[in-house]
């Protein structure tokens, strides 16, 4: 049920099998990042979605995922991973749900007991 997002049907095999995106992959690491802002929007100004406050989330998340991968390399050794932020056919919500980060609500969003739906789910 992709609505007008026909591209979602592209590369469906890659969505189901992460080894087609990252050859030799043995795990999918799912993380979440709460984006609920500390400050609310001011009255009388145009409203924007909470995730759109500040720096572009694509850049923020990509930077954090790369830091995470580098930390893994420092602590574990030879680890290879790729960070995807809306840039590959990854079933983010499904991987996050299957990892226990939350459940899919009636609104089709992933919901987490502590953060509601104000978070990004990230997969490596």
PDB file of N, CA and C in Angstrom:
ATOM      1  N   UNK A   1       0.845  -1.186   0.000  1.00  0.00           N
ATOM      2  CA  UNK A   1       0.000   0.000   0.000  1.00  0.00           C
ATOM      3  C   UNK A   1       0.887   1.245   0.000  1.00  0.00           C
ATOM      4  N   UNK A   2       1.605   1.443  -1.053  1.00  0.00           N
ATOM      5  CA  UNK A   2       2.595   2.519  -1.114  1.00  0.00           C
ATOM      6  C   UNK A   2       2.030   3.859  -1.551  1.00  0.00           C
ATOM      7  N   UNK A   3       0.722   3.952  -1.744  1.00  0.00           N
ATOM      8  CA  UNK A   3       0.136   5.216  -2.175  1.00  0.00           C
ATOM      9  C   UNK A   3       0.734   5.658  -3.494  1.00  0.00           C
ATOM     10  N   UNK A   4       1.178   6.901  -3.543  1.00  0.00           N
ATOM     11  CA  UNK A   4       1.780   7.461  -4.754  1.00  0.00           C
ATOM     12  C   UNK A   4       3.286   7.217  -4.828  1.00  0.00           C
ATOM     13  N   UNK A   5       3.809   6.425  -3.919  1.00  0.00           N
ATOM     14  CA  UNK A   5       5.253   6.189  -3.873  1.00  0.00           C
ATOM     15  C   UNK A   5       5.594   4.905  -4.624  1.00  0.00           C
ATOM     16  N   UNK A   6       5.432   4.929  -5.933  1.00  0.00           N
ATOM     17  CA  UNK A   6       5.671   3.756  -6.764  1.00  0.00           C
ATOM     18  C   UNK A   6       7.068   3.191  -6.637  1.00  0.00           C
ATOM     19  N   UNK A   7       8.029   4.053  -6.312  1.00  0.00           N
ATOM     20  CA  UNK A   7       9.418   3.603  -6.183  1.00  0.00           C
ATOM     21  C   UNK A   7       9.569   2.547  -5.085  1.00  0.00           C
ATOM     22  N   UNK A   8       8.620   2.466  -4.165  1.00  0.00           N
ATOM     23  CA  UNK A   8       8.710   1.489  -3.080  1.00  0.00           C
ATOM     24  C   UNK A   8       8.694   0.051  -3.610  1.00  0.00           C
ATOM     25  N   UNK A   9       8.139  -0.143  -4.790  1.00  0.00           N
ATOM     26  CA  UNK A   9       8.116  -1.487  -5.381  1.00  0.00           C
ATOM     27  C   UNK A   9       9.459  -1.848  -6.025  1.00  0.00           C
ATOM     28  N   UNK A  10      10.298  -0.840  -6.270  1.00  0.00           N
ATOM     29  CA  UNK A  10      11.616  -1.096  -6.865  1.00  0.00           C
ATOM     30  C   UNK A  10      12.513  -1.836  -5.868  1.00  0.00           C
ATOM     31  N   UNK A  11      13.311  -2.728  -6.354  1.00  0.00           N
ATOM     32  CA  UNK A  11      14.317  -3.424  -5.542  1.00  0.00           C
ATOM     33  C   UNK A  11      13.712  -4.114  -4.321  1.00  0.00           C
ATOM     34  N   UNK A  12      12.512  -4.672  -4.482  1.00  0.00           N
ATOM     35  CA  UNK A  12      11.849  -5.288  -3.338  1.00  0.00           C
ATOM     36  C   UNK A  12      12.684  -6.415  -2.747  1.00  0.00           C
ATOM     37  N   UNK A  13      13.424  -7.128  -3.597  1.00  0.00           N
ATOM     38  CA  UNK A  13      14.272  -8.202  -3.098  1.00  0.00           C
ATOM     39  C   UNK A  13      15.311  -7.677  -2.109  1.00  0.00           C
ATOM     40  N   UNK A  14      15.838  -6.470  -2.364  1.00  0.00           N
ATOM     41  CA  UNK A  14      16.822  -5.872  -1.458  1.00  0.00           C
ATOM     42  C   UNK A  14      16.190  -5.472  -0.131  1.00  0.00           C
ATOM     43  N   UNK A  15      14.925  -5.120  -0.167  1.00  0.00           N
ATOM     44  CA  UNK A  15      14.228  -4.758   1.073  1.00  0.00           C
ATOM     45  C   UNK A  15      14.120  -5.959   2.004  1.00  0.00           C
ATOM     46  N   UNK A  16      14.010  -7.142   1.426  1.00  0.00           N
ATOM     47  CA  UNK A  16      13.835  -8.356   2.222  1.00  0.00           C
ATOM     48  C   UNK A  16      15.141  -9.013   2.625  1.00  0.00           C
ATOM     49  N   UNK A  17      16.191  -8.789   1.843  1.00  0.00           N
ATOM     50  CA  UNK A  17      17.466  -9.467   2.081  1.00  0.00           C
ATOM     51  C   UNK A  17      18.600  -8.453   2.178  1.00  0.00           C
ATOM     52  N   UNK A  18      19.016  -8.095   3.386  1.00  0.00           N
ATOM     53  CA  UNK A  18      20.066  -7.081   3.550  1.00  0.00           C
ATOM     54  C   UNK A  18      21.407  -7.463   2.943  1.00  0.00           C
ATOM     55  N   UNK A  19      21.643  -8.744   2.684  1.00  0.00           N
ATOM     56  CA  UNK A  19      22.922  -9.130   2.082  1.00  0.00           C
ATOM     57  C   UNK A  19      23.014  -8.684   0.626  1.00  0.00           C
ATOM     58  N   UNK A  20      21.884  -8.318   0.030  1.00  0.00           N
ATOM     59  CA  UNK A  20      21.924  -7.776  -1.330  1.00  0.00           C
ATOM     60  C   UNK A  20      22.366  -6.319  -1.331  1.00  0.00           C
ATOM     61  N   UNK A  21      22.229  -5.635  -0.191  1.00  0.00           N
ATOM     62  CA  UNK A  21      22.703  -4.255  -0.040  1.00  0.00           C
ATOM     63  C   UNK A  21      24.116  -4.211   0.533  1.00  0.00           C
ATOM     64  N   UNK A  22      24.382  -5.102   1.458  1.00  0.00           N
ATOM     65  CA  UNK A  22      25.684  -5.164   2.110  1.00  0.00           C
ATOM     66  C   UNK A  22      26.151  -6.621   2.038  1.00  0.00           C
ATOM     67  N   UNK A  23      26.910  -6.950   1.002  1.00  0.00           N
ATOM     68  CA  UNK A  23      27.363  -8.340   0.846  1.00  0.00           C
ATOM     69  C   UNK A  23      28.066  -8.844   2.113  1.00  0.00           C
ATOM     70  N   UNK A  24      27.690 -10.037   2.529  1.00  0.00           N
ATOM     71  CA  UNK A  24      28.295 -10.632   3.724  1.00  0.00           C
ATOM     72  C   UNK A  24      27.650 -10.206   5.024  1.00  0.00           C
ATOM     73  N   UNK A  25      26.610  -9.380   4.970  1.00  0.00           N
ATOM     74  CA  UNK A  25      25.948  -8.920   6.198  1.00  0.00           C
ATOM     75  C   UNK A  25      25.442 -10.109   7.000  1.00  0.00           C
ATOM     76  N   UNK A  26      25.620 -10.012   8.303  1.00  0.00           N
ATOM     77  CA  UNK A  26      25.147 -11.071   9.195  1.00  0.00           C
ATOM     78  C   UNK A  26      24.132 -10.554  10.197  1.00  0.00           C
ATOM     79  N   UNK A  27      24.055  -9.244  10.330  1.00  0.00           N
ATOM     80  CA  UNK A  27      23.149  -8.645  11.312  1.00  0.00           C
ATOM     81  C   UNK A  27      22.604  -7.327  10.785  1.00  0.00           C
ATOM     82  N   UNK A  28      21.456  -6.971  11.312  1.00  0.00           N
ATOM     83  CA  UNK A  28      20.901  -5.636  11.116  1.00  0.00           C
ATOM     84  C   UNK A  28      20.830  -5.022  12.504  1.00  0.00           C
ATOM     85  N   UNK A  29      21.418  -3.865  12.674  1.00  0.00           N
ATOM     86  CA  UNK A  29      21.379  -3.167  13.955  1.00  0.00           C
ATOM     87  C   UNK A  29      20.330  -2.074  13.835  1.00  0.00           C
ATOM     88  N   UNK A  30      19.345  -2.095  14.728  1.00  0.00           N
ATOM     89  CA  UNK A  30      18.287  -1.088  14.726  1.00  0.00           C
ATOM     90  C   UNK A  30      18.427  -0.202  15.951  1.00  0.00           C
ATOM     91  N   UNK A  31      18.382   1.086  15.720  1.00  0.00           N
ATOM     92  CA  UNK A  31      18.498   2.081  16.784  1.00  0.00           C
ATOM     93  C   UNK A  31      17.348   3.074  16.639  1.00  0.00           C
ATOM     94  N   UNK A  32      17.104   3.839  17.678  1.00  0.00           N
ATOM     95  CA  UNK A  32      16.111   4.889  17.544  1.00  0.00           C
ATOM     96  C   UNK A  32      16.658   6.193  18.107  1.00  0.00           C
ATOM     97  N   UNK A  33      16.212   7.306  17.538  1.00  0.00           N
ATOM     98  CA  UNK A  33      16.640   8.639  17.940  1.00  0.00           C
ATOM     99  C   UNK A  33      15.404   9.501  18.128  1.00  0.00           C
ATOM    100  N   UNK A  34      15.157   9.905  19.361  1.00  0.00           N
ATOM    101  CA  UNK A  34      14.009  10.748  19.668  1.00  0.00           C
ATOM    102  C   UNK A  34      14.236  12.135  19.080  1.00  0.00           C
ATOM    103  N   UNK A  35      13.249  12.676  18.376  1.00  0.00           N
ATOM    104  CA  UNK A  35      13.397  14.009  17.793  1.00  0.00           C
ATOM    105  C   UNK A  35      12.439  15.030  18.397  1.00  0.00           C
ATOM    106  N   UNK A  36      11.761  14.683  19.497  1.00  0.00           N
ATOM    107  CA  UNK A  36      10.845  15.651  20.101  1.00  0.00           C
ATOM    108  C   UNK A  36      11.667  16.844  20.583  1.00  0.00           C
ATOM    109  N   UNK A  37      11.326  18.034  20.125  1.00  0.00           N
ATOM    110  CA  UNK A  37      12.156  19.210  20.435  1.00  0.00           C
ATOM    111  C   UNK A  37      12.034  19.651  21.897  1.00  0.00           C
ATOM    112  N   UNK A  38      13.122  20.216  22.400  1.00  0.00           N
ATOM    113  CA  UNK A  38      13.108  20.747  23.764  1.00  0.00           C
ATOM    114  C   UNK A  38      12.228  21.984  23.853  1.00  0.00           C
ATOM    115  N   UNK A  39      12.227  22.778  22.798  1.00  0.00           N
ATOM    116  CA  UNK A  39      11.420  23.998  22.776  1.00  0.00           C
ATOM    117  C   UNK A  39      10.294  23.849  21.765  1.00  0.00           C
ATOM    118  N   UNK A  40       9.116  24.327  22.130  1.00  0.00           N
ATOM    119  CA  UNK A  40       7.983  24.277  21.215  1.00  0.00           C
ATOM    120  C   UNK A  40       8.045  25.467  20.260  1.00  0.00           C
ATOM    121  N   UNK A  41       7.311  25.382  19.174  1.00  0.00           N
ATOM    122  CA  UNK A  41       7.289  26.473  18.198  1.00  0.00           C
ATOM    123  C   UNK A  41       6.629  27.705  18.811  1.00  0.00           C
ATOM    124  N   UNK A  42       7.081  28.848  18.368  1.00  0.00           N
ATOM    125  CA  UNK A  42       6.517  30.109  18.858  1.00  0.00           C
ATOM    126  C   UNK A  42       5.139  30.320  18.258  1.00  0.00           C
ATOM    127  N   UNK A  43       4.301  30.986  18.993  1.00  0.00           N
ATOM    128  CA  UNK A  43       2.954  31.305  18.508  1.00  0.00           C
ATOM    129  C   UNK A  43       3.038  32.346  17.391  1.00  0.00           C
ATOM    130  N   UNK A  44       2.121  32.255  16.431  1.00  0.00           N
ATOM    131  CA  UNK A  44       2.021  33.252  15.375  1.00  0.00           C
ATOM    132  C   UNK A  44       2.984  33.083  14.211  1.00  0.00           C
ATOM    133  N   UNK A  45       3.756  32.010  14.200  1.00  0.00           N
ATOM    134  CA  UNK A  45       4.658  31.755  13.072  1.00  0.00           C
ATOM    135  C   UNK A  45       4.182  30.500  12.352  1.00  0.00           C
ATOM    136  N   UNK A  46       4.533  30.351  11.082  1.00  0.00           N
ATOM    137  CA  UNK A  46       4.125  29.126  10.368  1.00  0.00           C
ATOM    138  C   UNK A  46       4.625  27.883  11.097  1.00  0.00           C
ATOM    139  N   UNK A  47       3.788  26.874  11.176  1.00  0.00           N
ATOM    140  CA  UNK A  47       4.133  25.633  11.882  1.00  0.00           C
ATOM    141  C   UNK A  47       4.830  24.663  10.929  1.00  0.00           C
ATOM    142  N   UNK A  48       5.852  24.001  11.430  1.00  0.00           N
ATOM    143  CA  UNK A  48       6.527  22.951  10.677  1.00  0.00           C
ATOM    144  C   UNK A  48       6.540  21.695  11.543  1.00  0.00           C
ATOM    145  N   UNK A  49       6.690  20.568  10.908  1.00  0.00           N
ATOM    146  CA  UNK A  49       6.738  19.303  11.637  1.00  0.00           C
ATOM    147  C   UNK A  49       7.908  19.312  12.611  1.00  0.00           C
ATOM    148  N   UNK A  50       7.730  18.673  13.748  1.00  0.00           N
ATOM    149  CA  UNK A  50       8.762  18.675  14.794  1.00  0.00           C
ATOM    150  C   UNK A  50      10.096  18.111  14.303  1.00  0.00           C
ATOM    151  N   UNK A  51      10.059  17.125  13.410  1.00  0.00           N
ATOM    152  CA  UNK A  51      11.324  16.551  12.943  1.00  0.00           C
ATOM    153  C   UNK A  51      12.095  17.516  12.043  1.00  0.00           C
ATOM    154  N   UNK A  52      11.435  18.582  11.582  1.00  0.00           N
ATOM    155  CA  UNK A  52      12.082  19.516  10.662  1.00  0.00           C
ATOM    156  C   UNK A  52      12.745  20.689  11.386  1.00  0.00           C
ATOM    157  N   UNK A  53      12.710  20.719  12.712  1.00  0.00           N
ATOM    158  CA  UNK A  53      13.412  21.771  13.461  1.00  0.00           C
ATOM    159  C   UNK A  53      14.914  21.608  13.239  1.00  0.00           C
ATOM    160  N   UNK A  54      15.629  22.678  13.134  1.00  0.00           N
ATOM    161  CA  UNK A  54      17.085  22.608  13.122  1.00  0.00           C
ATOM    162  C   UNK A  54      17.685  21.999  11.871  1.00  0.00           C
ATOM    163  N   UNK A  55      18.851  21.380  12.058  1.00  0.00           N
ATOM    164  CA  UNK A  55      19.628  20.816  10.950  1.00  0.00           C
ATOM    165  C   UNK A  55      18.880  19.660  10.289  1.00  0.00           C
ATOM    166  N   UNK A  56      19.094  19.489   9.003  1.00  0.00           N
ATOM    167  CA  UNK A  56      18.484  18.416   8.221  1.00  0.00           C
ATOM    168  C   UNK A  56      18.759  17.069   8.890  1.00  0.00           C
ATOM    169  N   UNK A  57      17.685  16.333   9.206  1.00  0.00           N
ATOM    170  CA  UNK A  57      17.843  15.075   9.928  1.00  0.00           C
ATOM    171  C   UNK A  57      18.677  14.056   9.162  1.00  0.00           C
ATOM    172  N   UNK A  58      18.689  14.119   7.843  1.00  0.00           N
ATOM    173  CA  UNK A  58      19.512  13.193   7.059  1.00  0.00           C
ATOM    174  C   UNK A  58      20.986  13.333   7.454  1.00  0.00           C
ATOM    175  N   UNK A  59      21.435  14.578   7.570  1.00  0.00           N
ATOM    176  CA  UNK A  59      22.835  14.842   7.929  1.00  0.00           C
ATOM    177  C   UNK A  59      23.114  14.448   9.376  1.00  0.00           C
ATOM    178  N   UNK A  60      22.195  14.785  10.276  1.00  0.00           N
ATOM    179  CA  UNK A  60      22.382  14.482  11.699  1.00  0.00           C
ATOM    180  C   UNK A  60      22.478  12.979  11.915  1.00  0.00           C
ATOM    181  N   UNK A  61      21.537  12.251  11.352  1.00  0.00           N
ATOM    182  CA  UNK A  61      21.495  10.805  11.560  1.00  0.00           C
ATOM    183  C   UNK A  61      22.686  10.115  10.896  1.00  0.00           C
ATOM    184  N   UNK A  62      23.021  10.517   9.686  1.00  0.00           N
ATOM    185  CA  UNK A  62      24.167   9.905   8.992  1.00  0.00           C
ATOM    186  C   UNK A  62      25.441  10.088   9.821  1.00  0.00           C
ATOM    187  N   UNK A  63      25.623  11.290  10.358  1.00  0.00           N
ATOM    188  CA  UNK A  63      26.800  11.575  11.190  1.00  0.00           C
ATOM    189  C   UNK A  63      26.804  10.673  12.431  1.00  0.00           C
ATOM    190  N   UNK A  64      25.661  10.548  13.093  1.00  0.00           N
ATOM    191  CA  UNK A  64      25.572   9.727  14.304  1.00  0.00           C
ATOM    192  C   UNK A  64      25.802   8.245  13.993  1.00  0.00           C
ATOM    193  N   UNK A  65      25.271   7.768  12.870  1.00  0.00           N
ATOM    194  CA  UNK A  65      25.483   6.368  12.500  1.00  0.00           C
ATOM    195  C   UNK A  65      26.946   6.092  12.189  1.00  0.00           C
ATOM    196  N   UNK A  66      27.604   7.022  11.512  1.00  0.00           N
ATOM    197  CA  UNK A  66      29.032   6.838  11.220  1.00  0.00           C
ATOM    198  C   UNK A  66      29.845   6.822  12.514  1.00  0.00           C
ATOM    199  N   UNK A  67      29.485   7.689  13.481  1.00  0.00           N
ATOM    200  CA  UNK A  67      30.149   7.690  14.786  1.00  0.00           C
ATOM    201  C   UNK A  67      29.946   6.343  15.478  1.00  0.00           C
ATOM    202  N   UNK A  68      28.726   5.813  15.388  1.00  0.00           N
ATOM    203  CA  UNK A  68      28.411   4.525  16.001  1.00  0.00           C
ATOM    204  C   UNK A  68      29.259   3.414  15.384  1.00  0.00           C
ATOM    205  N   UNK A  69      29.348   3.390  14.070  1.00  0.00           N
ATOM    206  CA  UNK A  69      30.161   2.379  13.390  1.00  0.00           C
ATOM    207  C   UNK A  69      31.621   2.504  13.808  1.00  0.00           C
ATOM    208  N   UNK A  70      32.135   3.734  13.885  1.00  0.00           N
ATOM    209  CA  UNK A  70      33.525   3.930  14.296  1.00  0.00           C
ATOM    210  C   UNK A  70      33.754   3.473  15.733  1.00  0.00           C
ATOM    211  N   UNK A  71      32.789   3.711  16.608  1.00  0.00           N
ATOM    212  CA  UNK A  71      32.899   3.244  17.999  1.00  0.00           C
ATOM    213  C   UNK A  71      32.930   1.726  18.048  1.00  0.00           C
ATOM    214  N   UNK A  72      32.080   1.077  17.253  1.00  0.00           N
ATOM    215  CA  UNK A  72      32.098  -0.388  17.186  1.00  0.00           C
ATOM    216  C   UNK A  72      33.465  -0.892  16.734  1.00  0.00           C
ATOM    217  N   UNK A  73      34.028  -0.236  15.719  1.00  0.00           N
ATOM    218  CA  UNK A  73      35.339  -0.649  15.209  1.00  0.00           C
ATOM    219  C   UNK A  73      36.405  -0.516  16.284  1.00  0.00           C
ATOM    220  N   UNK A  74      36.339   0.587  17.064  1.00  0.00           N
ATOM    221  CA  UNK A  74      37.327   0.805  18.121  1.00  0.00           C
ATOM    222  C   UNK A  74      37.204  -0.235  19.225  1.00  0.00           C
ATOM    223  N   UNK A  75      35.986  -0.609  19.564  1.00  0.00           N
ATOM    224  CA  UNK A  75      35.769  -1.512  20.695  1.00  0.00           C
ATOM    225  C   UNK A  75      35.779  -2.992  20.320  1.00  0.00           C
ATOM    226  N   UNK A  76      35.402  -3.315  19.088  1.00  0.00           N
ATOM    227  CA  UNK A  76      35.271  -4.712  18.695  1.00  0.00           C
ATOM    228  C   UNK A  76      36.365  -5.132  17.715  1.00  0.00           C
ATOM    229  N   UNK A  77      36.726  -4.245  16.830  1.00  0.00           N
ATOM    230  CA  UNK A  77      37.707  -4.588  15.811  1.00  0.00           C
ATOM    231  C   UNK A  77      37.130  -4.406  14.429  1.00  0.00           C
ATOM    232  N   UNK A  78      37.445  -5.326  13.558  1.00  0.00           N
ATOM    233  CA  UNK A  78      37.069  -5.223  12.155  1.00  0.00           C
ATOM    234  C   UNK A  78      35.559  -5.412  11.972  1.00  0.00           C
ATOM    235  N   UNK A  79      34.856  -4.302  11.862  1.00  0.00           N
ATOM    236  CA  UNK A  79      33.408  -4.304  11.658  1.00  0.00           C
ATOM    237  C   UNK A  79      33.126  -3.485  10.411  1.00  0.00           C
ATOM    238  N   UNK A  80      32.302  -4.025   9.530  1.00  0.00           N
ATOM    239  CA  UNK A  80      31.906  -3.264   8.356  1.00  0.00           C
ATOM    240  C   UNK A  80      30.410  -3.043   8.421  1.00  0.00           C
ATOM    241  N   UNK A  81      30.006  -1.824   8.155  1.00  0.00           N
ATOM    242  CA  UNK A  81      28.585  -1.520   8.128  1.00  0.00           C
ATOM    243  C   UNK A  81      28.327  -0.346   7.208  1.00  0.00           C
ATOM    244  N   UNK A  82      27.099  -0.214   6.800  1.00  0.00           N
ATOM    245  CA  UNK A  82      26.689   0.925   5.981  1.00  0.00           C
ATOM    246  C   UNK A  82      25.561   1.624   6.690  1.00  0.00           C
ATOM    247  N   UNK A  83      25.588   2.929   6.642  1.00  0.00           N
ATOM    248  CA  UNK A  83      24.542   3.744   7.254  1.00  0.00           C
ATOM    249  C   UNK A  83      23.608   4.238   6.158  1.00  0.00           C
ATOM    250  N   UNK A  84      22.337   3.959   6.317  1.00  0.00           N
ATOM    251  CA  UNK A  84      21.337   4.386   5.346  1.00  0.00           C
ATOM    252  C   UNK A  84      20.385   5.387   5.994  1.00  0.00           C
ATOM    253  N   UNK A  85      20.176   6.505   5.326  1.00  0.00           N
ATOM    254  CA  UNK A  85      19.194   7.502   5.779  1.00  0.00           C
ATOM    255  C   UNK A  85      18.339   7.862   4.571  1.00  0.00           C
ATOM    256  N   UNK A  86      17.260   7.130   4.400  1.00  0.00           N
ATOM    257  CA  UNK A  86      16.370   7.324   3.247  1.00  0.00           C
ATOM    258  C   UNK A  86      17.111   7.209   1.919  1.00  0.00           C
ATOM    259  N   UNK A  87      18.167   6.419   1.877  1.00  0.00           N
ATOM    260  CA  UNK A  87      18.987   6.368   0.667  1.00  0.00           C
ATOM    261  C   UNK A  87      19.108   4.969   0.078  1.00  0.00           C
ATOM    262  N   UNK A  88      18.394   4.019   0.629  1.00  0.00           N
ATOM    263  CA  UNK A  88      18.467   2.649   0.125  1.00  0.00           C
ATOM    264  C   UNK A  88      17.143   1.952   0.397  1.00  0.00           C
ATOM    265  N   UNK A  89      16.875   0.891  -0.347  1.00  0.00           N
ATOM    266  CA  UNK A  89      15.614   0.165  -0.153  1.00  0.00           C
ATOM    267  C   UNK A  89      15.662  -0.712   1.096  1.00  0.00           C
ATOM    268  N   UNK A  90      15.536  -0.087   2.254  1.00  0.00           N
ATOM    269  CA  UNK A  90      15.601  -0.779   3.534  1.00  0.00           C
ATOM    270  C   UNK A  90      14.223  -0.738   4.196  1.00  0.00           C
ATOM    271  N   UNK A  91      13.781  -1.858   4.732  1.00  0.00           N
ATOM    272  CA  UNK A  91      12.501  -1.904   5.443  1.00  0.00           C
ATOM    273  C   UNK A  91      12.710  -1.457   6.892  1.00  0.00           C
ATOM    274  N   UNK A  92      12.994  -0.173   7.063  1.00  0.00           N
ATOM    275  CA  UNK A  92      13.342   0.380   8.371  1.00  0.00           C
ATOM    276  C   UNK A  92      12.346  -0.006   9.460  1.00  0.00           C
ATOM    277  N   UNK A  93      11.077   0.281   9.222  1.00  0.00           N
ATOM    278  CA  UNK A  93      10.056   0.047  10.248  1.00  0.00           C
ATOM    279  C   UNK A  93       9.986  -1.434  10.604  1.00  0.00           C
ATOM    280  N   UNK A  94      10.048  -2.303   9.610  1.00  0.00           N
ATOM    281  CA  UNK A  94       9.964  -3.742   9.866  1.00  0.00           C
ATOM    282  C   UNK A  94      11.145  -4.225  10.694  1.00  0.00           C
ATOM    283  N   UNK A  95      12.363  -3.798  10.323  1.00  0.00           N
ATOM    284  CA  UNK A  95      13.545  -4.200  11.102  1.00  0.00           C
ATOM    285  C   UNK A  95      13.461  -3.671  12.519  1.00  0.00           C
ATOM    286  N   UNK A  96      13.037  -2.418  12.686  1.00  0.00           N
ATOM    287  CA  UNK A  96      12.929  -1.829  14.018  1.00  0.00           C
ATOM    288  C   UNK A  96      11.880  -2.569  14.854  1.00  0.00           C
ATOM    289  N   UNK A  97      10.740  -2.863  14.255  1.00  0.00           N
ATOM    290  CA  UNK A  97       9.679  -3.611  14.958  1.00  0.00           C
ATOM    291  C   UNK A  97      10.188  -4.993  15.355  1.00  0.00           C
ATOM    292  N   UNK A  98      10.813  -5.703  14.420  1.00  0.00           N
ATOM    293  CA  UNK A  98      11.307  -7.051  14.699  1.00  0.00           C
ATOM    294  C   UNK A  98      12.410  -7.059  15.751  1.00  0.00           C
ATOM    295  N   UNK A  99      13.111  -5.939  15.910  1.00  0.00           N
ATOM    296  CA  UNK A  99      14.172  -5.871  16.912  1.00  0.00           C
ATOM    297  C   UNK A  99      13.625  -5.540  18.295  1.00  0.00           C
ATOM    298  N   UNK A 100      12.322  -5.210  18.367  1.00  0.00           N
ATOM    299  CA  UNK A 100      11.711  -4.923  19.667  1.00  0.00           C
ATOM    300  C   UNK A 100      11.657  -3.454  20.039  1.00  0.00           C
ATOM    301  N   UNK A 101      11.942  -2.557  19.089  1.00  0.00           N
ATOM    302  CA  UNK A 101      11.928  -1.130  19.404  1.00  0.00           C
ATOM    303  C   UNK A 101      10.515  -0.565  19.553  1.00  0.00           C
ATOM    304  N   UNK A 102       9.519  -1.283  19.100  1.00  0.00           N
ATOM    305  CA  UNK A 102       8.155  -0.786  19.224  1.00  0.00           C
ATOM    306  C   UNK A 102       7.173  -1.674  18.488  1.00  0.00           C
ATOM    307  N   UNK A 103       5.990  -1.151  18.290  1.00  0.00           N
ATOM    308  CA  UNK A 103       4.945  -1.866  17.567  1.00  0.00           C
ATOM    309  C   UNK A 103       4.331  -0.919  16.553  1.00  0.00           C
ATOM    310  N   UNK A 104       3.678  -1.473  15.550  1.00  0.00           N
ATOM    311  CA  UNK A 104       3.054  -0.661  14.511  1.00  0.00           C
ATOM    312  C   UNK A 104       1.626  -0.350  14.956  1.00  0.00           C
ATOM    313  N   UNK A 105       1.337   0.950  15.029  1.00  0.00           N
ATOM    314  CA  UNK A 105       0.022   1.391  15.471  1.00  0.00           C
ATOM    315  C   UNK A 105      -0.973   1.478  14.328  1.00  0.00           C
ATOM    316  N   UNK A 106      -2.205   1.868  14.659  1.00  0.00           N
ATOM    317  CA  UNK A 106      -3.258   2.011  13.651  1.00  0.00           C
ATOM    318  C   UNK A 106      -2.886   3.048  12.594  1.00  0.00           C
ATOM    319  N   UNK A 107      -2.024   4.006  12.961  1.00  0.00           N
ATOM    320  CA  UNK A 107      -1.587   5.034  12.019  1.00  0.00           C
ATOM    321  C   UNK A 107      -0.459   4.545  11.112  1.00  0.00           C
ATOM    322  N   UNK A 108      -0.082   3.296  11.237  1.00  0.00           N
ATOM    323  CA  UNK A 108       0.987   2.614  10.499  1.00  0.00           C
ATOM    324  C   UNK A 108       2.380   3.099  10.895  1.00  0.00           C
ATOM    325  N   UNK A 109       2.488   3.928  11.923  1.00  0.00           N
ATOM    326  CA  UNK A 109       3.790   4.360  12.435  1.00  0.00           C
ATOM    327  C   UNK A 109       4.276   3.390  13.499  1.00  0.00           C
ATOM    328  N   UNK A 110       5.584   3.304  13.648  1.00  0.00           N
ATOM    329  CA  UNK A 110       6.154   2.533  14.739  1.00  0.00           C
ATOM    330  C   UNK A 110       5.992   3.360  16.006  1.00  0.00           C
ATOM    331  N   UNK A 111       5.525   2.733  17.067  1.00  0.00           N
ATOM    332  CA  UNK A 111       5.288   3.433  18.331  1.00  0.00           C
ATOM    333  C   UNK A 111       6.129   2.769  19.402  1.00  0.00           C
ATOM    334  N   UNK A 112       6.758   3.591  20.222  1.00  0.00           N
ATOM    335  CA  UNK A 112       7.602   3.131  21.306  1.00  0.00           C
ATOM    336  C   UNK A 112       6.978   3.604  22.612  1.00  0.00           C
ATOM    337  N   UNK A 113       6.948   2.743  23.616  1.00  0.00           N
ATOM    338  CA  UNK A 113       6.298   3.075  24.884  1.00  0.00           C
ATOM    339  C   UNK A 113       6.840   4.362  25.506  1.00  0.00           C
ATOM    340  N   UNK A 114       8.140   4.588  25.425  1.00  0.00           N
ATOM    341  CA  UNK A 114       8.731   5.767  26.047  1.00  0.00           C
ATOM    342  C   UNK A 114       8.716   7.019  25.194  1.00  0.00           C
ATOM    343  N   UNK A 115       8.740   6.875  23.865  1.00  0.00           N
ATOM    344  CA  UNK A 115       8.890   8.027  22.970  1.00  0.00           C
ATOM    345  C   UNK A 115       7.681   8.278  22.085  1.00  0.00           C
ATOM    346  N   UNK A 116       6.652   7.466  22.195  1.00  0.00           N
ATOM    347  CA  UNK A 116       5.515   7.628  21.300  1.00  0.00           C
ATOM    348  C   UNK A 116       5.964   7.365  19.879  1.00  0.00           C
ATOM    349  N   UNK A 117       5.664   8.302  18.984  1.00  0.00           N
ATOM    350  CA  UNK A 117       6.118   8.148  17.593  1.00  0.00           C
ATOM    351  C   UNK A 117       7.053   9.286  17.196  1.00  0.00           C
ATOM    352  N   UNK A 118       7.583  10.013  18.165  1.00  0.00           N
ATOM    353  CA  UNK A 118       8.495  11.120  17.885  1.00  0.00           C
ATOM    354  C   UNK A 118       9.946  10.654  17.862  1.00  0.00           C
ATOM    355  N   UNK A 119      10.240   9.717  16.965  1.00  0.00           N
ATOM    356  CA  UNK A 119      11.626   9.261  16.847  1.00  0.00           C
ATOM    357  C   UNK A 119      11.862   8.746  15.443  1.00  0.00           C
ATOM    358  N   UNK A 120      13.120   8.733  15.070  1.00  0.00           N
ATOM    359  CA  UNK A 120      13.540   8.108  13.831  1.00  0.00           C
ATOM    360  C   UNK A 120      14.047   6.729  14.202  1.00  0.00           C
ATOM    361  N   UNK A 121      13.797   5.725  13.385  1.00  0.00           N
ATOM    362  CA  UNK A 121      14.416   4.428  13.595  1.00  0.00           C
ATOM    363  C   UNK A 121      15.510   4.302  12.565  1.00  0.00           C
ATOM    364  N   UNK A 122      16.615   3.765  12.983  1.00  0.00           N
ATOM    365  CA  UNK A 122      17.818   3.726  12.168  1.00  0.00           C
ATOM    366  C   UNK A 122      18.295   2.294  12.070  1.00  0.00           C
ATOM    367  N   UNK A 123      18.770   1.933  10.921  1.00  0.00           N
ATOM    368  CA  UNK A 123      19.263   0.576  10.727  1.00  0.00           C
ATOM    369  C   UNK A 123      20.639   0.601  10.070  1.00  0.00           C
ATOM    370  N   UNK A 124      21.508  -0.255  10.546  1.00  0.00           N
ATOM    371  CA  UNK A 124      22.838  -0.437   9.954  1.00  0.00           C
ATOM    372  C   UNK A 124      22.877  -1.816   9.349  1.00  0.00           C
TER     373      UNK A 124
END
